C-alpha atoms as a PDB file:
ATOM      1  CA  MET A   1      76.327  18.672 -56.703  1.00  0.00           C
ATOM      2  CA  SER A   2      75.219  21.793 -54.537  1.00  0.00           C
ATOM      3  CA  THR A   3      78.320  23.393 -52.347  1.00  0.00           C
ATOM      4  CA  LYS A   4      75.505  23.633 -49.599  1.00  0.00           C
ATOM      5  CA  PRO A   5      76.281  21.609 -46.811  1.00  0.00           C
ATOM      6  CA  PRO A   6      73.175  18.487 -46.433  1.00  0.00           C
ATOM      7  CA  ALA A   7      70.313  19.017 -44.464  1.00  0.00           C
ATOM      8  CA  LYS A   8      70.649  17.330 -41.399  1.00  0.00           C
ATOM      9  CA  ILE A   9      68.463  14.304 -41.216  1.00  0.00           C
ATOM     10  CA  ALA A  10      65.512  14.805 -38.630  1.00  0.00           C
ATOM     11  CA  TYR A  11      63.786  11.542 -37.090  1.00  0.00           C
ATOM     12  CA  ILE A  12      60.346  11.222 -36.645  1.00  0.00           C
ATOM     13  CA  PRO A  13      59.650   7.929 -34.212  1.00  0.00           C
ATOM     14  CA  PRO A  14      56.590   5.725 -35.265  1.00  0.00           C
ATOM     15  CA  PRO A  15      53.346   6.253 -33.544  1.00  0.00           C
ATOM     16  CA  HIS A  16      52.239   4.690 -30.183  1.00  0.00           C
ATOM     17  CA  PHE A  17      50.145   2.266 -31.569  1.00  0.00           C
ATOM     18  CA  SER A  18      52.167   0.778 -34.111  1.00  0.00           C
ATOM     19  CA  VAL A  19      52.800  -2.722 -32.815  1.00  0.00           C
ATOM     20  CA  ALA A  20      48.787  -3.214 -32.912  1.00  0.00           C
ATOM     21  CA  ARG A  21      48.621  -1.820 -36.524  1.00  0.00           C
ATOM     22  CA  ARG A  22      51.280  -3.916 -37.728  1.00  0.00           C
ATOM     23  CA  ILE A  23      49.466  -7.264 -36.155  1.00  0.00           C
ATOM     24  CA  TRP A  24      46.232  -5.883 -37.392  1.00  0.00           C
ATOM     25  CA  ARG A  25      47.760  -5.682 -40.772  1.00  0.00           C
ATOM     26  CA  GLY A  26      49.357  -8.666 -40.609  1.00  0.00           C
ATOM     27  CA  ILE A  27      45.823 -10.874 -39.383  1.00  0.00           C
ATOM     28  CA  LYS A  28      44.137  -8.995 -42.500  1.00  0.00           C
ATOM     29  CA  ARG A  29      46.583  -9.862 -45.172  1.00  0.00           C
ATOM     30  CA  SER A  30      46.726 -13.481 -43.206  1.00  0.00           C
ATOM     31  CA  VAL A  31      42.770 -14.005 -43.992  1.00  0.00           C
ATOM     32  CA  MET A  32      43.179 -12.335 -47.537  1.00  0.00           C
ATOM     33  CA  ARG A  33      45.946 -15.218 -49.059  1.00  0.00           C
ATOM     34  CA  LEU A  34      43.798 -17.658 -47.374  1.00  0.00           C
ATOM     35  CA  PHE A  35      40.617 -16.536 -49.534  1.00  0.00           C
ATOM     36  CA  TRP A  36      42.453 -15.596 -52.311  1.00  0.00           C
ATOM     37  CA  GLY A  37      45.892 -17.815 -52.333  1.00  0.00           C
ATOM     38  CA  LYS A  38      47.878 -14.543 -52.152  1.00  0.00           C
ATOM     39  CA  SER A  39      49.042 -12.087 -51.023  1.00  0.00           C
ATOM     40  CA  VAL A  40      47.589  -9.155 -51.342  1.00  0.00           C
ATOM     41  CA  TYR A  41      48.629  -5.510 -51.538  1.00  0.00           C
ATOM     42  CA  LEU A  42      47.069  -3.561 -48.539  1.00  0.00           C
ATOM     43  CA  GLY A  43      47.927   0.012 -49.459  1.00  0.00           C
ATOM     44  CA  ARG A  44      49.963   2.650 -47.685  1.00  0.00           C
ATOM     45  CA  LYS A  45      47.246   5.856 -47.770  1.00  0.00           C
ATOM     46  CA  ASP A  46      47.034   5.221 -43.774  1.00  0.00           C
ATOM     47  CA  TRP A  47      50.823   4.624 -43.293  1.00  0.00           C
ATOM     48  CA  ASN A  48      52.608   7.064 -40.917  1.00  0.00           C
ATOM     49  CA  TYR A  49      54.974   8.224 -44.005  1.00  0.00           C
ATOM     50  CA  THR A  50      52.149   8.911 -46.035  1.00  0.00           C
ATOM     51  CA  ARG A  51      50.647  11.141 -43.734  1.00  0.00           C
ATOM     52  CA  ARG A  52      53.958  12.791 -43.381  1.00  0.00           C
ATOM     53  CA  VAL A  53      54.655  13.306 -47.559  1.00  0.00           C
ATOM     54  CA  VAL A  54      50.969  14.862 -47.489  1.00  0.00           C
ATOM     55  CA  GLU A  55      51.841  17.363 -44.446  1.00  0.00           C
ATOM     56  CA  LEU A  56      55.082  18.093 -46.506  1.00  0.00           C
ATOM     57  CA  LEU A  57      53.329  18.810 -50.353  1.00  0.00           C
ATOM     58  CA  GLU A  58      50.602  20.837 -48.300  1.00  0.00           C
ATOM     59  CA  GLU A  59      53.401  23.102 -46.727  1.00  0.00           C
ATOM     60  CA  PHE A  60      55.607  23.132 -49.981  1.00  0.00           C
ATOM     61  CA  SER A  61      51.903  24.182 -52.360  1.00  0.00           C
ATOM     62  CA  ASP A  62      52.062  27.410 -50.542  1.00  0.00           C
ATOM     63  CA  LYS A  63      54.956  28.586 -52.288  1.00  0.00           C
ATOM     64  CA  GLU A  64      53.797  29.875 -55.473  1.00  0.00           C
ATOM     65  CA  CYS A  65      53.557  26.637 -56.879  1.00  0.00           C
ATOM     66  CA  GLU A  66      50.093  25.577 -59.227  1.00  0.00           C
ATOM     67  CA  SER A  67      51.125  21.728 -60.625  1.00  0.00           C
ATOM     68  CA  ILE A  68      52.142  18.922 -59.070  1.00  0.00           C
ATOM     69  CA  ILE A  69      52.851  14.888 -60.517  1.00  0.00           C
ATOM     70  CA  ASP A  70      52.764  11.751 -58.327  1.00  0.00           C
ATOM     71  CA  VAL A  71      54.791   9.265 -60.101  1.00  0.00           C
ATOM     72  CA  GLY A  72      54.588   5.621 -59.651  1.00  0.00           C
ATOM     73  CA  SER A  73      51.278   6.811 -57.145  1.00  0.00           C
ATOM     74  CA  ARG A  74      50.178   2.759 -57.173  1.00  0.00           C
ATOM     75  CA  GLY A  75      46.230   4.466 -56.493  1.00  0.00           C
ATOM     76  CA  VAL A  76      47.423   5.774 -53.449  1.00  0.00           C
ATOM     77  CA  ASP A  77      45.692   9.723 -53.283  1.00  0.00           C
ATOM     78  CA  ILE A  78      48.588  12.201 -51.830  1.00  0.00           C
ATOM     79  CA  VAL A  79      47.552  15.184 -54.277  1.00  0.00           C
ATOM     80  CA  SER A  80      43.235  15.133 -54.923  1.00  0.00           C
ATOM     81  CA  GLY A  81      43.201  17.307 -51.497  1.00  0.00           C
ATOM     82  CA  LEU A  82      45.964  20.314 -52.808  1.00  0.00           C
ATOM     83  CA  PRO A  83      45.222  23.547 -53.482  1.00  0.00           C
ATOM     84  CA  LEU A  84      46.760  23.312 -56.827  1.00  0.00           C
ATOM     85  CA  LYS A  85      45.222  24.100 -60.776  1.00  0.00           C
ATOM     86  CA  ARG A  86      46.833  20.586 -61.786  1.00  0.00           C
ATOM     87  CA  LYS A  87      47.299  17.463 -60.527  1.00  0.00           C
ATOM     88  CA  VAL A  88      49.022  14.704 -62.495  1.00  0.00           C
ATOM     89  CA  SER A  89      49.354  10.839 -61.040  1.00  0.00           C
ATOM     90  CA  ILE A  90      50.841   8.605 -63.276  1.00  0.00           C
ATOM     91  CA  ASP A  91      51.420   4.743 -62.815  1.00  0.00           C
ATOM     92  CA  LEU A  92      52.537   2.114 -65.192  1.00  0.00           C
ATOM     93  CA  GLU A  93      49.316  -0.499 -63.721  1.00  0.00           C
ATOM     94  CA  LYS A  94      47.420   1.796 -61.117  1.00  0.00           C
ATOM     95  CA  PRO A  95      47.198   5.409 -61.256  1.00  0.00           C
ATOM     96  CA  LEU A  96      45.563   7.537 -59.152  1.00  0.00           C
ATOM     97  CA  VAL A  97      41.528   8.221 -60.571  1.00  0.00           C
ATOM     98  CA  ALA A  98      40.005  10.906 -58.399  1.00  0.00           C
ATOM     99  CA  ASP A  99      38.177  14.251 -58.900  1.00  0.00           C
ATOM    100  CA  GLY A 100      40.625  16.906 -60.482  1.00  0.00           C
ATOM    101  CA  VAL A 101      43.167  14.426 -60.701  1.00  0.00           C
ATOM    102  CA  GLU A 102      44.613  13.398 -64.420  1.00  0.00           C
ATOM    103  CA  SER A 103      45.061   9.366 -64.439  1.00  0.00           C
ATOM    104  CA  VAL A 104      48.030   8.607 -66.509  1.00  0.00           C
ATOM    105  CA  GLN A 105      48.732   4.624 -67.498  1.00  0.00           C
ATOM    106  CA  SER A 106      51.928   5.008 -68.687  1.00  0.00           C
ATOM    107  CA  ASP A 107      55.671   4.009 -68.180  1.00  0.00           C
ATOM    108  CA  PHE A 108      57.519   7.067 -67.063  1.00  0.00           C
ATOM    109  CA  PHE A 109      59.878   7.030 -69.744  1.00  0.00           C
ATOM    110  CA  ASP A 110      57.613   6.889 -72.066  1.00  0.00           C
ATOM    111  CA  TYR A 111      55.850  10.062 -70.300  1.00  0.00           C
ATOM    112  CA  GLN A 112      56.336  13.549 -72.323  1.00  0.00           C
ATOM    113  CA  PRO A 113      54.683  15.950 -70.537  1.00  0.00           C
ATOM    114  CA  ARG A 114      53.819  19.383 -72.271  1.00  0.00           C
ATOM    115  CA  GLU A 115      55.002  21.301 -69.749  1.00  0.00           C
ATOM    116  CA  GLN A 116      57.372  20.890 -66.455  1.00  0.00           C
ATOM    117  CA  PHE A 117      55.394  20.698 -63.027  1.00  0.00           C
ATOM    118  CA  ASP A 118      56.481  22.800 -59.829  1.00  0.00           C
ATOM    119  CA  ILE A 119      55.901  19.842 -57.827  1.00  0.00           C
ATOM    120  CA  VAL A 120      57.399  16.209 -59.016  1.00  0.00           C
ATOM    121  CA  CYS A 121      57.166  13.149 -56.488  1.00  0.00           C
ATOM    122  CA  CYS A 122      58.140   9.857 -56.496  1.00  0.00           C
ATOM    123  CA  MET A 123      57.197   7.754 -53.496  1.00  0.00           C
ATOM    124  CA  GLN A 124      58.564   3.960 -53.397  1.00  0.00           C
ATOM    125  CA  VAL A 125      59.329   3.515 -56.449  1.00  0.00           C
ATOM    126  CA  LEU A 126      63.134   3.820 -56.932  1.00  0.00           C
ATOM    127  CA  GLU A 127      64.268   0.760 -55.311  1.00  0.00           C
ATOM    128  CA  HIS A 128      62.378  -0.917 -57.655  1.00  0.00           C
ATOM    129  CA  VAL A 129      63.544   0.771 -60.920  1.00  0.00           C
ATOM    130  CA  PRO A 130      66.746  -0.975 -62.670  1.00  0.00           C
ATOM    131  CA  GLU A 131      67.329   2.611 -64.496  1.00  0.00           C
ATOM    132  CA  VAL A 132      67.679   3.791 -61.605  1.00  0.00           C
ATOM    133  CA  GLU A 133      69.788   7.185 -62.003  1.00  0.00           C
ATOM    134  CA  LYS A 134      67.875   7.414 -65.394  1.00  0.00           C
ATOM    135  CA  PHE A 135      64.653   7.606 -63.909  1.00  0.00           C
ATOM    136  CA  THR A 136      65.898  10.427 -61.335  1.00  0.00           C
ATOM    137  CA  GLU A 137      67.117  12.139 -63.961  1.00  0.00           C
ATOM    138  CA  LYS A 138      64.268  12.654 -65.500  1.00  0.00           C
ATOM    139  CA  LEU A 139      62.102  13.697 -62.405  1.00  0.00           C
ATOM    140  CA  PHE A 140      64.643  16.652 -62.108  1.00  0.00           C
ATOM    141  CA  ALA A 141      64.144  17.070 -65.935  1.00  0.00           C
ATOM    142  CA  ILE A 142      60.310  17.446 -65.822  1.00  0.00           C
ATOM    143  CA  ALA A 143      60.002  19.414 -62.295  1.00  0.00           C
ATOM    144  CA  ARG A 144      60.174  23.493 -62.386  1.00  0.00           C
ATOM    145  CA  LYS A 145      60.681  23.655 -58.229  1.00  0.00           C
ATOM    146  CA  TYR A 146      60.481  20.690 -56.151  1.00  0.00           C
ATOM    147  CA  VAL A 147      61.260  16.913 -56.354  1.00  0.00           C
ATOM    148  CA  ILE A 148      59.902  15.269 -53.411  1.00  0.00           C
ATOM    149  CA  ILE A 149      61.656  11.442 -53.134  1.00  0.00           C
ATOM    150  CA  SER A 150      60.913   8.680 -50.351  1.00  0.00           C
ATOM    151  CA  VAL A 151      62.731   5.231 -50.287  1.00  0.00           C
ATOM    152  CA  PRO A 152      63.197   2.721 -48.109  1.00  0.00           C
ATOM    153  CA  TYR A 153      66.112   3.786 -45.462  1.00  0.00           C
ATOM    154  CA  LYS A 154      68.721   1.172 -44.254  1.00  0.00           C
ATOM    155  CA  TRP A 155      66.185  -2.037 -45.031  1.00  0.00           C
ATOM    156  CA  PRO A 156      68.717  -4.958 -45.224  1.00  0.00           C
ATOM    157  CA  ALA A 157      69.514  -6.363 -48.584  1.00  0.00           C
ATOM    158  CA  GLY A 158      66.939  -9.319 -49.811  1.00  0.00           C
ATOM    159  CA  SER A 159      64.322  -8.570 -47.030  1.00  0.00           C
ATOM    160  CA  CYS A 160      61.952  -7.390 -49.714  1.00  0.00           C
ATOM    161  CA  LYS A 161      61.825  -9.581 -53.126  1.00  0.00           C
ATOM    162  CA  ARG A 162      60.680  -6.549 -54.864  1.00  0.00           C
ATOM    163  CA  HIS A 163      63.596  -4.177 -54.258  1.00  0.00           C
ATOM    164  CA  ILE A 164      66.482  -4.219 -56.196  1.00  0.00           C
ATOM    165  CA  HIS A 165      68.752  -1.940 -54.441  1.00  0.00           C
ATOM    166  CA  ASP A 166      68.250  -2.090 -51.123  1.00  0.00           C
ATOM    167  CA  PRO A 167      70.209  -1.205 -48.471  1.00  0.00           C
ATOM    168  CA  VAL A 168      69.261   2.628 -49.770  1.00  0.00           C
ATOM    169  CA  ASP A 169      71.004   5.694 -47.429  1.00  0.00           C
ATOM    170  CA  GLU A 170      71.910   9.025 -47.978  1.00  0.00           C
ATOM    171  CA  GLU A 171      74.983   8.046 -49.650  1.00  0.00           C
ATOM    172  CA  LYS A 172      72.985   5.961 -52.232  1.00  0.00           C
ATOM    173  CA  MET A 173      70.445   9.094 -53.058  1.00  0.00           C
ATOM    174  CA  ALA A 174      73.455  11.285 -53.450  1.00  0.00           C
ATOM    175  CA  ILE A 175      74.869   9.038 -56.193  1.00  0.00           C
ATOM    176  CA  TRP A 176      71.123   8.889 -57.748  1.00  0.00           C
ATOM    177  CA  THR A 177      70.237  12.329 -57.428  1.00  0.00           C
ATOM    178  CA  LYS A 178      73.854  14.506 -57.703  1.00  0.00           C
ATOM    179  CA  LYS A 179      72.237  16.535 -55.612  1.00  0.00           C
ATOM    180  CA  ASP A 180      71.848  17.521 -51.701  1.00  0.00           C
ATOM    181  CA  PRO A 181      68.187  17.674 -50.594  1.00  0.00           C
ATOM    182  CA  ILE A 182      67.362  20.692 -48.400  1.00  0.00           C
ATOM    183  CA  VAL A 183      64.884  18.877 -46.558  1.00  0.00           C
ATOM    184  CA  ALA A 184      65.854  14.916 -45.270  1.00  0.00           C
ATOM    185  CA  GLU A 185      63.624  12.912 -42.834  1.00  0.00           C
ATOM    186  CA  VAL A 186      63.633   9.616 -41.594  1.00  0.00           C
ATOM    187  CA  VAL A 187      60.457   8.245 -40.646  1.00  0.00           C
ATOM    188  CA  ALA A 188      59.719   5.278 -38.602  1.00  0.00           C
ATOM    189  CA  GLU A 189      56.819   3.075 -39.128  1.00  0.00           C
ATOM    190  CA  TYR A 190      56.993   0.115 -36.573  1.00  0.00           C
ATOM    191  CA  ALA A 191      59.242  -0.139 -33.377  1.00  0.00           C
ATOM    192  CA  LEU A 192      61.813  -2.195 -33.596  1.00  0.00           C
ATOM    193  CA  SER A 193      61.898  -3.028 -37.431  1.00  0.00           C
ATOM    194  CA  LYS A 194      64.695  -3.690 -39.488  1.00  0.00           C
ATOM    195  CA  LYS A 195      61.842  -3.086 -42.353  1.00  0.00           C
ATOM    196  CA  GLY A 196      60.296   0.268 -40.373  1.00  0.00           C
ATOM    197  CA  LYS A 197      62.041   3.030 -41.734  1.00  0.00           C
ATOM    198  CA  ARG A 198      61.314   5.417 -44.632  1.00  0.00           C
ATOM    199  CA  MET A 199      63.260   8.518 -46.111  1.00  0.00           C
ATOM    200  CA  ILE A 200      61.545  11.105 -47.248  1.00  0.00           C
ATOM    201  CA  CYS A 201      64.175  13.965 -49.552  1.00  0.00           C
ATOM    202  CA  ILE A 202      62.962  17.664 -50.758  1.00  0.00           C
ATOM    203  CA  TYR A 203      65.266  19.017 -53.676  1.00  0.00           C
ATOM    204  CA  GLN A 204      64.892  22.573 -54.888  1.00  0.00           C
ATOM    205  CA  LYS A 205      65.266  22.752 -58.505  1.00  0.00           C
ATOM    206  CA  ALA A 206      68.517  24.891 -59.137  1.00  0.00           C
ATOM    207  CA  SER A 207      67.089  28.518 -60.977  1.00  0.00           C
END
């Protein structure tokens, strides 16, 4: 782990309309469940943390970077608008399909890229992965400059049945990555919610 002091965690509050948006998403989910008989994933493209990730990617894309891969994209577009020569989206079930983006449907453990990527991003994935340290090690192995990771921040254990590592915090991320981030932000999605925060960490690959 780096001997540099860890980045101070910045807090980004939820938007003013967060309560109304949460109610609206609940209504949409209920209507879909009524018609389809099951819960339907509504996506994350309009979430507060997704917008912040895109802002950070735009900032770091200007740092002499030419390539990016989004690992576990689930069809969400955070890369197509970036001014990079090579953009890849990989997902086990639903990689992003967009102009200028290489779409790869594969298990990340089986994926063997022909070269490293300047930026590797992995949003809201680690909390689902049983072999999380091995998975994280591979994220850094295919990165040339930066690794950007987001995770649910301090969600109570058992609050999401698909998460197997909650609660996730700074200490757990340090264990998984064995590194200190150069940027760390906690982004709030909803006011007054135990499940409304996500942590974004940016790591710089040692030269």
